[in-house]
């Protein structure tokens, strides 16, 4: 946002949203899912209103029927589900303190199916086709 690349920032918001939604599907601790709001608050809180207005306009322009939305969705489908360990989310929850030895990720977990669900339900990628 410092360089006023709002279209690129909007694309990153869409991608980050898919990854965060995917992580909420695989992290056991429901309290950890609040990391989604915390990340977006940390990113956008304190930004000047005019920058936020430009950012929201760029996000709105990424509607599911826009060509750019479709391109981003195709890219996310091609890379497949994330394989990193969701420590950022796990560390945000209470379970890591209350039951540190407990499993933090749902097992077994169908990553491919969860990724498709995150893309279609949360980021509306199915609508881009």
Foldseek 3Di string as FASTA:
>chain_A
DVVLPLLVVLLVVLVVQLQLQLVCVWFPFVQLNCVVVVVVCVVPPPDDPVSVVSNVVSNVCLPLQDPVVLVSLVVLLVVAFDDDDPCSSLVSGDCCVVPVPDDGTDPPDDRRVSSVCSSCPVSVNVSND
